[in-house]
């Protein structure tokens, strides 16, 4: 049970790092609907790795959280 808690702490730090390193494409103005201009961008290289890494880490994190509740 202690191993799950330590793994959750490590995953939470990694998730924070992955989320903070992702670029904001539209800046703060995109929040209010005036950013982007309808142009779509493809994720390439490190940006794609961070995007998919964030998804994988979050799935593992939530799985460990559920396992921690059950055990």
Protein backbone atom coordinates (compact mmCIF):
# COMPACT_ATOMS: atom_id res chain seq x y z
CA UNK A 1 0.00 0.00 0.00
CA UNK A 2 2.89 2.34 0.71
CA UNK A 3 4.34 1.57 -2.72
CA UNK A 4 1.12 2.73 -4.39
CA UNK A 5 1.21 6.02 -2.47
CA UNK A 6 4.83 6.66 -3.43
CA UNK A 7 4.06 5.83 -7.07
CA UNK A 8 1.13 8.28 -6.99
CA UNK A 9 3.36 11.05 -5.66
CA UNK A 10 5.96 10.43 -8.37
CA UNK A 11 3.27 10.30 -11.08
CA UNK A 12 1.66 13.50 -9.83
CA UNK A 13 4.99 15.35 -10.07
CA UNK A 14 5.54 13.97 -13.58
CA UNK A 15 2.03 15.00 -14.60
CA UNK A 16 2.63 18.54 -13.35
CA UNK A 17 5.89 18.73 -15.30
CA UNK A 18 4.31 17.35 -18.50
CA UNK A 19 1.38 19.75 -18.27
CA UNK A 20 3.57 22.78 -17.61
CA UNK A 21 5.86 22.01 -20.56
CA UNK A 22 3.00 21.87 -23.06
CA UNK A 23 2.77 24.99 -25.18
CA UNK A 24 -0.28 27.14 -25.25
CA UNK A 25 -0.98 27.79 -28.92
CA UNK A 26 -3.32 30.74 -28.56
CA UNK A 27 -2.06 32.39 -25.42
CA UNK A 28 -4.42 33.99 -22.95
CA UNK A 29 -6.68 35.45 -25.65
CA UNK A 30 -7.78 31.96 -26.75
CA UNK A 31 -9.63 31.60 -23.46
CA UNK A 32 -12.02 34.35 -24.52
CA UNK A 33 -12.52 32.98 -28.03
CA UNK A 34 -10.35 35.35 -30.03
CA UNK A 35 -7.30 33.16 -30.57
CA UNK A 36 -6.31 30.69 -33.24
CA UNK A 37 -8.17 32.10 -36.22
CA UNK A 38 -9.37 28.67 -37.31
CA UNK A 39 -5.89 27.43 -38.20
CA UNK A 40 -5.24 23.84 -37.18
CA UNK A 41 -1.80 22.67 -36.16
CA UNK A 42 -0.39 19.15 -36.02
CA UNK A 43 1.51 18.00 -32.99
CA UNK A 44 5.05 16.98 -33.88
CA UNK A 45 8.12 15.83 -32.03
CA UNK A 46 8.35 16.71 -28.34
CA UNK A 47 4.90 18.32 -28.32
CA UNK A 48 3.33 15.03 -29.46
CA UNK A 49 5.36 13.10 -26.85
CA UNK A 50 4.20 15.44 -24.07
CA UNK A 51 0.57 15.21 -25.21
CA UNK A 52 0.45 11.41 -25.32
CA UNK A 53 2.66 11.13 -22.24
CA UNK A 54 0.20 13.26 -20.28
CA UNK A 55 -2.66 10.99 -21.31
CA UNK A 56 -0.77 7.82 -20.36
CA UNK A 57 0.42 9.24 -17.03
CA UNK A 58 -3.08 10.40 -16.11
CA UNK A 59 -4.57 6.97 -16.89
CA UNK A 60 -1.91 5.29 -14.74
CA UNK A 61 -2.44 7.86 -11.97
CA UNK A 62 -6.19 7.33 -11.84
CA UNK A 63 -5.76 3.55 -11.98
CA UNK A 64 -3.44 3.72 -8.99
CA UNK A 65 -5.91 5.96 -7.17
CA UNK A 66 -8.69 3.42 -7.68
CA UNK A 67 -6.35 0.59 -6.66
CA UNK A 68 -5.45 2.54 -3.51
CA UNK A 69 -9.14 2.81 -2.63
CA UNK A 70 -9.77 -0.89 -3.17
CA UNK A 71 -6.71 -2.15 -1.28
